[in-house]
Amino acid sequence: MKYLLVLAVVLTAIWIWRHRRDEERRDAPPPRRPDIPPTPALMVACRHCGVHLPRDQAIAGRLGHYCSAEHLRLGEPQR
């Protein structure tokens, strides 16, 4: 009889332990997906000084891209 009581206590303890562990898993936030790195910007070189800069920040001229309005003025032939 005492062995049945010990077995019942052990089984109850195992059930409580598993039940709490399962609750912790449900309450835990889902694992984060890895962040997708941003796509690299298309880089162009200034036709006057050669510095590289993103294409969307460059000034487009007839002969190429420039890093500033001054270099555009110096690099493009006058009409």
PDB file of N, CA and C in Angstrom:
ATOM      1  N   MET A   1       0.807  -1.187   0.000  1.00  0.00           N
ATOM      2  CA  MET A   1       0.000   0.000   0.000  1.00  0.00           C
ATOM      3  C   MET A   1       0.857   1.259   0.000  1.00  0.00           C
ATOM      4  N   LYS A   2       1.931   1.251   0.782  1.00  0.00           N
ATOM      5  CA  LYS A   2       2.758   2.458   0.821  1.00  0.00           C
ATOM      6  C   LYS A   2       3.471   2.677  -0.513  1.00  0.00           C
ATOM      7  N   TYR A   3       3.780   1.606  -1.255  1.00  0.00           N
ATOM      8  CA  TYR A   3       4.410   1.744  -2.561  1.00  0.00           C
ATOM      9  C   TYR A   3       3.461   2.381  -3.581  1.00  0.00           C
ATOM     10  N   LEU A   4       2.193   2.051  -3.469  1.00  0.00           N
ATOM     11  CA  LEU A   4       1.199   2.670  -4.350  1.00  0.00           C
ATOM     12  C   LEU A   4       1.087   4.169  -4.058  1.00  0.00           C
ATOM     13  N   LEU A   5       1.155   4.532  -2.796  1.00  0.00           N
ATOM     14  CA  LEU A   5       1.102   5.943  -2.431  1.00  0.00           C
ATOM     15  C   LEU A   5       2.333   6.687  -2.952  1.00  0.00           C
ATOM     16  N   VAL A   6       3.517   6.096  -2.827  1.00  0.00           N
ATOM     17  CA  VAL A   6       4.754   6.708  -3.340  1.00  0.00           C
ATOM     18  C   VAL A   6       4.671   6.821  -4.858  1.00  0.00           C
ATOM     19  N   LEU A   7       4.195   5.798  -5.528  1.00  0.00           N
ATOM     20  CA  LEU A   7       4.053   5.817  -6.985  1.00  0.00           C
ATOM     21  C   LEU A   7       3.069   6.908  -7.410  1.00  0.00           C
ATOM     22  N   ALA A   8       1.976   7.054  -6.686  1.00  0.00           N
ATOM     23  CA  ALA A   8       0.993   8.090  -7.012  1.00  0.00           C
ATOM     24  C   ALA A   8       1.598   9.484  -6.839  1.00  0.00           C
ATOM     25  N   VAL A   9       2.370   9.698  -5.796  1.00  0.00           N
ATOM     26  CA  VAL A   9       3.011  10.994  -5.570  1.00  0.00           C
ATOM     27  C   VAL A   9       4.025  11.272  -6.671  1.00  0.00           C
ATOM     28  N   VAL A  10       4.820  10.298  -7.050  1.00  0.00           N
ATOM     29  CA  VAL A  10       5.831  10.478  -8.107  1.00  0.00           C
ATOM     30  C   VAL A  10       5.151  10.772  -9.439  1.00  0.00           C
ATOM     31  N   LEU A  11       4.109  10.047  -9.771  1.00  0.00           N
ATOM     32  CA  LEU A  11       3.410  10.283 -11.039  1.00  0.00           C
ATOM     33  C   LEU A  11       2.742  11.656 -11.050  1.00  0.00           C
ATOM     34  N   THR A  12       2.187  12.063  -9.916  1.00  0.00           N
ATOM     35  CA  THR A  12       1.584  13.395  -9.833  1.00  0.00           C
ATOM     36  C   THR A  12       2.642  14.480 -10.005  1.00  0.00           C
ATOM     37  N   ALA A  13       3.807  14.302  -9.393  1.00  0.00           N
ATOM     38  CA  ALA A  13       4.894  15.272  -9.524  1.00  0.00           C
ATOM     39  C   ALA A  13       5.376  15.361 -10.978  1.00  0.00           C
ATOM     40  N   ILE A  14       5.493  14.250 -11.642  1.00  0.00           N
ATOM     41  CA  ILE A  14       5.916  14.241 -13.053  1.00  0.00           C
ATOM     42  C   ILE A  14       4.867  14.936 -13.914  1.00  0.00           C
ATOM     43  N   TRP A  15       3.590  14.670 -13.651  1.00  0.00           N
ATOM     44  CA  TRP A  15       2.524  15.309 -14.436  1.00  0.00           C
ATOM     45  C   TRP A  15       2.542  16.823 -14.250  1.00  0.00           C
ATOM     46  N   ILE A  16       2.696  17.290 -12.994  1.00  0.00           N
ATOM     47  CA  ILE A  16       2.745  18.732 -12.723  1.00  0.00           C
ATOM     48  C   ILE A  16       3.960  19.356 -13.404  1.00  0.00           C
ATOM     49  N   TRP A  17       5.100  18.705 -13.340  1.00  0.00           N
ATOM     50  CA  TRP A  17       6.327  19.225 -13.962  1.00  0.00           C
ATOM     51  C   TRP A  17       6.158  19.361 -15.476  1.00  0.00           C
ATOM     52  N   ARG A  18       5.610  18.331 -16.120  1.00  0.00           N
ATOM     53  CA  ARG A  18       5.401  18.388 -17.575  1.00  0.00           C
ATOM     54  C   ARG A  18       4.361  19.444 -17.946  1.00  0.00           C
ATOM     55  N   HIS A  19       3.327  19.550 -17.159  1.00  0.00           N
ATOM     56  CA  HIS A  19       2.268  20.520 -17.446  1.00  0.00           C
ATOM     57  C   HIS A  19       2.826  21.951 -17.373  1.00  0.00           C
ATOM     58  N   ARG A  20       3.620  22.270 -16.379  1.00  0.00           N
ATOM     59  CA  ARG A  20       4.226  23.599 -16.260  1.00  0.00           C
ATOM     60  C   ARG A  20       5.215  23.864 -17.387  1.00  0.00           C
ATOM     61  N   ARG A  21       5.982  22.858 -17.761  1.00  0.00           N
ATOM     62  CA  ARG A  21       6.948  23.019 -18.854  1.00  0.00           C
ATOM     63  C   ARG A  21       6.224  23.325 -20.163  1.00  0.00           C
ATOM     64  N   ASP A  22       5.113  22.647 -20.406  1.00  0.00           N
ATOM     65  CA  ASP A  22       4.338  22.907 -21.627  1.00  0.00           C
ATOM     66  C   ASP A  22       3.739  24.310 -21.607  1.00  0.00           C
ATOM     67  N   GLU A  23       3.285  24.785 -20.449  1.00  0.00           N
ATOM     68  CA  GLU A  23       2.753  26.146 -20.349  1.00  0.00           C
ATOM     69  C   GLU A  23       3.831  27.181 -20.643  1.00  0.00           C
ATOM     70  N   GLU A  24       5.047  26.941 -20.162  1.00  0.00           N
ATOM     71  CA  GLU A  24       6.144  27.875 -20.423  1.00  0.00           C
ATOM     72  C   GLU A  24       6.453  27.944 -21.913  1.00  0.00           C
ATOM     73  N   ARG A  25       6.364  26.832 -22.581  1.00  0.00           N
ATOM     74  CA  ARG A  25       6.607  26.819 -24.033  1.00  0.00           C
ATOM     75  C   ARG A  25       5.530  27.608 -24.777  1.00  0.00           C
ATOM     76  N   ARG A  26       4.274  27.489 -24.342  1.00  0.00           N
ATOM     77  CA  ARG A  26       3.197  28.209 -24.997  1.00  0.00           C
ATOM     78  C   ARG A  26       3.283  29.707 -24.731  1.00  0.00           C
ATOM     79  N   ASP A  27       3.722  30.067 -23.532  1.00  0.00           N
ATOM     80  CA  ASP A  27       3.809  31.481 -23.167  1.00  0.00           C
ATOM     81  C   ASP A  27       5.036  32.163 -23.756  1.00  0.00           C
ATOM     82  N   ALA A  28       6.036  31.405 -24.153  1.00  0.00           N
ATOM     83  CA  ALA A  28       7.264  31.991 -24.699  1.00  0.00           C
ATOM     84  C   ALA A  28       6.964  32.621 -26.060  1.00  0.00           C
ATOM     85  N   PRO A  29       7.608  33.749 -26.368  1.00  0.00           N
ATOM     86  CA  PRO A  29       7.387  34.361 -27.687  1.00  0.00           C
ATOM     87  C   PRO A  29       7.938  33.456 -28.790  1.00  0.00           C
ATOM     88  N   PRO A  30       7.346  33.517 -29.960  1.00  0.00           N
ATOM     89  CA  PRO A  30       7.842  32.679 -31.056  1.00  0.00           C
ATOM     90  C   PRO A  30       9.256  33.098 -31.432  1.00  0.00           C
ATOM     91  N   PRO A  31      10.043  32.168 -31.930  1.00  0.00           N
ATOM     92  CA  PRO A  31      11.414  32.519 -32.300  1.00  0.00           C
ATOM     93  C   PRO A  31      11.429  33.556 -33.422  1.00  0.00           C
ATOM     94  N   ARG A  32      12.372  34.493 -33.318  1.00  0.00           N
ATOM     95  CA  ARG A  32      12.471  35.555 -34.339  1.00  0.00           C
ATOM     96  C   ARG A  32      13.031  35.001 -35.628  1.00  0.00           C
ATOM     97  N   ARG A  33      12.458  35.483 -36.716  1.00  0.00           N
ATOM     98  CA  ARG A  33      13.025  35.129 -38.013  1.00  0.00           C
ATOM     99  C   ARG A  33      14.252  35.992 -38.230  1.00  0.00           C
ATOM    100  N   PRO A  34      15.251  35.473 -38.891  1.00  0.00           N
ATOM    101  CA  PRO A  34      16.438  36.300 -39.124  1.00  0.00           C
ATOM    102  C   PRO A  34      16.088  37.518 -39.970  1.00  0.00           C
ATOM    103  N   ASP A  35      16.671  38.641 -39.609  1.00  0.00           N
ATOM    104  CA  ASP A  35      16.423  39.873 -40.350  1.00  0.00           C
ATOM    105  C   ASP A  35      17.028  39.777 -41.746  1.00  0.00           C
ATOM    106  N   ILE A  36      16.275  40.249 -42.712  1.00  0.00           N
ATOM    107  CA  ILE A  36      16.755  40.258 -44.091  1.00  0.00           C
ATOM    108  C   ILE A  36      17.589  41.517 -44.271  1.00  0.00           C
ATOM    109  N   PRO A  37      18.844  41.349 -44.644  1.00  0.00           N
ATOM    110  CA  PRO A  37      19.671  42.548 -44.805  1.00  0.00           C
ATOM    111  C   PRO A  37      19.160  43.404 -45.956  1.00  0.00           C
ATOM    112  N   PRO A  38      19.295  44.718 -45.834  1.00  0.00           N
ATOM    113  CA  PRO A  38      18.840  45.587 -46.923  1.00  0.00           C
ATOM    114  C   PRO A  38      19.700  45.363 -48.166  1.00  0.00           C
ATOM    115  N   THR A  39      19.075  45.586 -49.301  1.00  0.00           N
ATOM    116  CA  THR A  39      19.826  45.417 -50.539  1.00  0.00           C
ATOM    117  C   THR A  39      20.836  46.551 -50.670  1.00  0.00           C
ATOM    118  N   PRO A  40      22.021  46.251 -51.154  1.00  0.00           N
ATOM    119  CA  PRO A  40      23.034  47.297 -51.279  1.00  0.00           C
ATOM    120  C   PRO A  40      22.633  48.337 -52.330  1.00  0.00           C
ATOM    121  N   ALA A  41      23.020  49.568 -52.070  1.00  0.00           N
ATOM    122  CA  ALA A  41      22.716  50.655 -53.004  1.00  0.00           C
ATOM    123  C   ALA A  41      23.667  50.574 -54.203  1.00  0.00           C
ATOM    124  N   LEU A  42      23.162  50.940 -55.354  1.00  0.00           N
ATOM    125  CA  LEU A  42      23.977  50.980 -56.547  1.00  0.00           C
ATOM    126  C   LEU A  42      24.923  52.170 -56.430  1.00  0.00           C
ATOM    127  N   MET A  43      26.226  51.926 -56.515  1.00  0.00           N
ATOM    128  CA  MET A  43      27.225  52.970 -56.348  1.00  0.00           C
ATOM    129  C   MET A  43      27.748  53.411 -57.721  1.00  0.00           C
ATOM    130  N   VAL A  44      28.029  54.704 -57.819  1.00  0.00           N
ATOM    131  CA  VAL A  44      28.628  55.265 -59.033  1.00  0.00           C
ATOM    132  C   VAL A  44      29.814  56.122 -58.618  1.00  0.00           C
ATOM    133  N   ALA A  45      30.725  56.320 -59.535  1.00  0.00           N
ATOM    134  CA  ALA A  45      31.898  57.155 -59.266  1.00  0.00           C
ATOM    135  C   ALA A  45      31.678  58.534 -59.887  1.00  0.00           C
ATOM    136  N   CYS A  46      32.114  59.555 -59.150  1.00  0.00           N
ATOM    137  CA  CYS A  46      32.064  60.917 -59.683  1.00  0.00           C
ATOM    138  C   CYS A  46      33.027  60.987 -60.865  1.00  0.00           C
ATOM    139  N   ARG A  47      32.565  61.518 -61.943  1.00  0.00           N
ATOM    140  CA  ARG A  47      33.384  61.588 -63.153  1.00  0.00           C
ATOM    141  C   ARG A  47      34.525  62.585 -62.987  1.00  0.00           C
ATOM    142  N   HIS A  48      34.415  63.526 -62.075  1.00  0.00           N
ATOM    143  CA  HIS A  48      35.446  64.542 -61.895  1.00  0.00           C
ATOM    144  C   HIS A  48      36.511  64.098 -60.881  1.00  0.00           C
ATOM    145  N   CYS A  49      36.097  63.685 -59.681  1.00  0.00           N
ATOM    146  CA  CYS A  49      37.072  63.374 -58.626  1.00  0.00           C
ATOM    147  C   CYS A  49      37.205  61.883 -58.339  1.00  0.00           C
ATOM    148  N   GLY A  50      36.282  61.052 -58.814  1.00  0.00           N
ATOM    149  CA  GLY A  50      36.388  59.611 -58.643  1.00  0.00           C
ATOM    150  C   GLY A  50      35.793  59.070 -57.350  1.00  0.00           C
ATOM    151  N   VAL A  51      35.257  59.930 -56.487  1.00  0.00           N
ATOM    152  CA  VAL A  51      34.660  59.438 -55.249  1.00  0.00           C
ATOM    153  C   VAL A  51      33.409  58.630 -55.564  1.00  0.00           C
ATOM    154  N   HIS A  52      33.226  57.516 -54.827  1.00  0.00           N
ATOM    155  CA  HIS A  52      32.045  56.676 -55.032  1.00  0.00           C
ATOM    156  C   HIS A  52      30.944  57.118 -54.085  1.00  0.00           C
ATOM    157  N   LEU A  53      29.714  57.160 -54.597  1.00  0.00           N
ATOM    158  CA  LEU A  53      28.555  57.534 -53.800  1.00  0.00           C
ATOM    159  C   LEU A  53      27.338  56.816 -54.351  1.00  0.00           C
ATOM    160  N   PRO A  54      26.284  56.679 -53.525  1.00  0.00           N
ATOM    161  CA  PRO A  54      25.071  56.019 -54.012  1.00  0.00           C
ATOM    162  C   PRO A  54      24.473  56.766 -55.211  1.00  0.00           C
ATOM    163  N   ARG A  55      23.968  55.998 -56.133  1.00  0.00           N
ATOM    164  CA  ARG A  55      23.451  56.587 -57.373  1.00  0.00           C
ATOM    165  C   ARG A  55      22.315  57.567 -57.120  1.00  0.00           C
ATOM    166  N   ASP A  56      21.488  57.297 -56.098  1.00  0.00           N
ATOM    167  CA  ASP A  56      20.361  58.198 -55.838  1.00  0.00           C
ATOM    168  C   ASP A  56      20.811  59.523 -55.230  1.00  0.00           C
ATOM    169  N   GLN A  57      22.049  59.631 -54.755  1.00  0.00           N
ATOM    170  CA  GLN A  57      22.566  60.893 -54.223  1.00  0.00           C
ATOM    171  C   GLN A  57      23.438  61.632 -55.237  1.00  0.00           C
ATOM    172  N   ALA A  58      23.767  60.971 -56.337  1.00  0.00           N
ATOM    173  CA  ALA A  58      24.626  61.579 -57.351  1.00  0.00           C
ATOM    174  C   ALA A  58      23.812  62.504 -58.262  1.00  0.00           C
ATOM    175  N   ILE A  59      24.517  63.434 -58.861  1.00  0.00           N
ATOM    176  CA  ILE A  59      23.906  64.347 -59.827  1.00  0.00           C
ATOM    177  C   ILE A  59      24.256  63.822 -61.213  1.00  0.00           C
ATOM    178  N   ALA A  60      23.249  63.552 -62.001  1.00  0.00           N
ATOM    179  CA  ALA A  60      23.476  62.983 -63.331  1.00  0.00           C
ATOM    180  C   ALA A  60      23.749  64.095 -64.324  1.00  0.00           C
ATOM    181  N   GLY A  61      24.796  63.909 -65.090  1.00  0.00           N
ATOM    182  CA  GLY A  61      25.124  64.830 -66.169  1.00  0.00           C
ATOM    183  C   GLY A  61      25.035  64.109 -67.501  1.00  0.00           C
ATOM    184  N   ARG A  62      25.367  64.793 -68.561  1.00  0.00           N
ATOM    185  CA  ARG A  62      25.324  64.154 -69.884  1.00  0.00           C
ATOM    186  C   ARG A  62      26.420  63.104 -70.030  1.00  0.00           C
ATOM    187  N   LEU A  63      27.577  63.314 -69.387  1.00  0.00           N
ATOM    188  CA  LEU A  63      28.704  62.397 -69.539  1.00  0.00           C
ATOM    189  C   LEU A  63      28.834  61.387 -68.404  1.00  0.00           C
ATOM    190  N   GLY A  64      28.065  61.544 -67.365  1.00  0.00           N
ATOM    191  CA  GLY A  64      28.163  60.613 -66.244  1.00  0.00           C
ATOM    192  C   GLY A  64      27.569  61.197 -64.982  1.00  0.00           C
ATOM    193  N   HIS A  65      27.982  60.664 -63.859  1.00  0.00           N
ATOM    194  CA  HIS A  65      27.467  61.096 -62.565  1.00  0.00           C
ATOM    195  C   HIS A  65      28.533  61.920 -61.846  1.00  0.00           C
ATOM    196  N   TYR A  66      28.051  62.863 -61.018  1.00  0.00           N
ATOM    197  CA  TYR A  66      28.944  63.754 -60.275  1.00  0.00           C
ATOM    198  C   TYR A  66      28.496  63.810 -58.824  1.00  0.00           C
ATOM    199  N   CYS A  67      29.449  64.099 -57.931  1.00  0.00           N
ATOM    200  CA  CYS A  67      29.138  64.132 -56.500  1.00  0.00           C
ATOM    201  C   CYS A  67      28.557  65.470 -56.058  1.00  0.00           C
ATOM    202  N   SER A  68      28.755  66.522 -56.820  1.00  0.00           N
ATOM    203  CA  SER A  68      28.226  67.831 -56.439  1.00  0.00           C
ATOM    204  C   SER A  68      27.954  68.652 -57.698  1.00  0.00           C
ATOM    205  N   ALA A  69      27.206  69.740 -57.508  1.00  0.00           N
ATOM    206  CA  ALA A  69      26.913  70.627 -58.627  1.00  0.00           C
ATOM    207  C   ALA A  69      28.189  71.282 -59.151  1.00  0.00           C
ATOM    208  N   GLU A  70      29.133  71.563 -58.256  1.00  0.00           N
ATOM    209  CA  GLU A  70      30.407  72.167 -58.670  1.00  0.00           C
ATOM    210  C   GLU A  70      31.178  71.222 -59.582  1.00  0.00           C
ATOM    211  N   HIS A  71      31.223  69.942 -59.243  1.00  0.00           N
ATOM    212  CA  HIS A  71      31.928  68.992 -60.105  1.00  0.00           C
ATOM    213  C   HIS A  71      31.189  68.777 -61.420  1.00  0.00           C
ATOM    214  N   LEU A  72      29.876  68.869 -61.387  1.00  0.00           N
ATOM    215  CA  LEU A  72      29.115  68.807 -62.635  1.00  0.00           C
ATOM    216  C   LEU A  72      29.496  69.975 -63.524  1.00  0.00           C
ATOM    217  N   ARG A  73      29.607  71.161 -62.945  1.00  0.00           N
ATOM    218  CA  ARG A  73      29.982  72.339 -63.706  1.00  0.00           C
ATOM    219  C   ARG A  73      31.397  72.211 -64.256  1.00  0.00           C
ATOM    220  N   LEU A  74      32.318  71.674 -63.443  1.00  0.00           N
ATOM    221  CA  LEU A  74      33.712  71.527 -63.883  1.00  0.00           C
ATOM    222  C   LEU A  74      33.896  70.378 -64.872  1.00  0.00           C
ATOM    223  N   GLY A  75      33.093  69.341 -64.776  1.00  0.00           N
ATOM    224  CA  GLY A  75      33.297  68.158 -65.610  1.00  0.00           C
ATOM    225  C   GLY A  75      32.588  68.169 -66.939  1.00  0.00           C
ATOM    226  N   GLU A  76      31.513  68.894 -67.052  1.00  0.00           N
ATOM    227  CA  GLU A  76      30.734  68.916 -68.294  1.00  0.00           C
ATOM    228  C   GLU A  76      31.211  70.063 -69.166  1.00  0.00           C
ATOM    229  N   PRO A  77      31.336  69.819 -70.458  1.00  0.00           N
ATOM    230  CA  PRO A  77      31.699  70.918 -71.357  1.00  0.00           C
ATOM    231  C   PRO A  77      30.568  71.940 -71.453  1.00  0.00           C
ATOM    232  N   GLN A  78      30.934  73.165 -71.592  1.00  0.00           N
ATOM    233  CA  GLN A  78      29.938  74.248 -71.696  1.00  0.00           C
ATOM    234  C   GLN A  78      29.317  74.218 -73.084  1.00  0.00           C
ATOM    235  N   ARG A  79      28.058  74.525 -73.183  1.00  0.00           N
ATOM    236  CA  ARG A  79      27.364  74.538 -74.477  1.00  0.00           C
ATOM    237  C   ARG A  79      27.569  75.826 -75.196  1.00  0.00           C
TER     238      ARG A  79
END
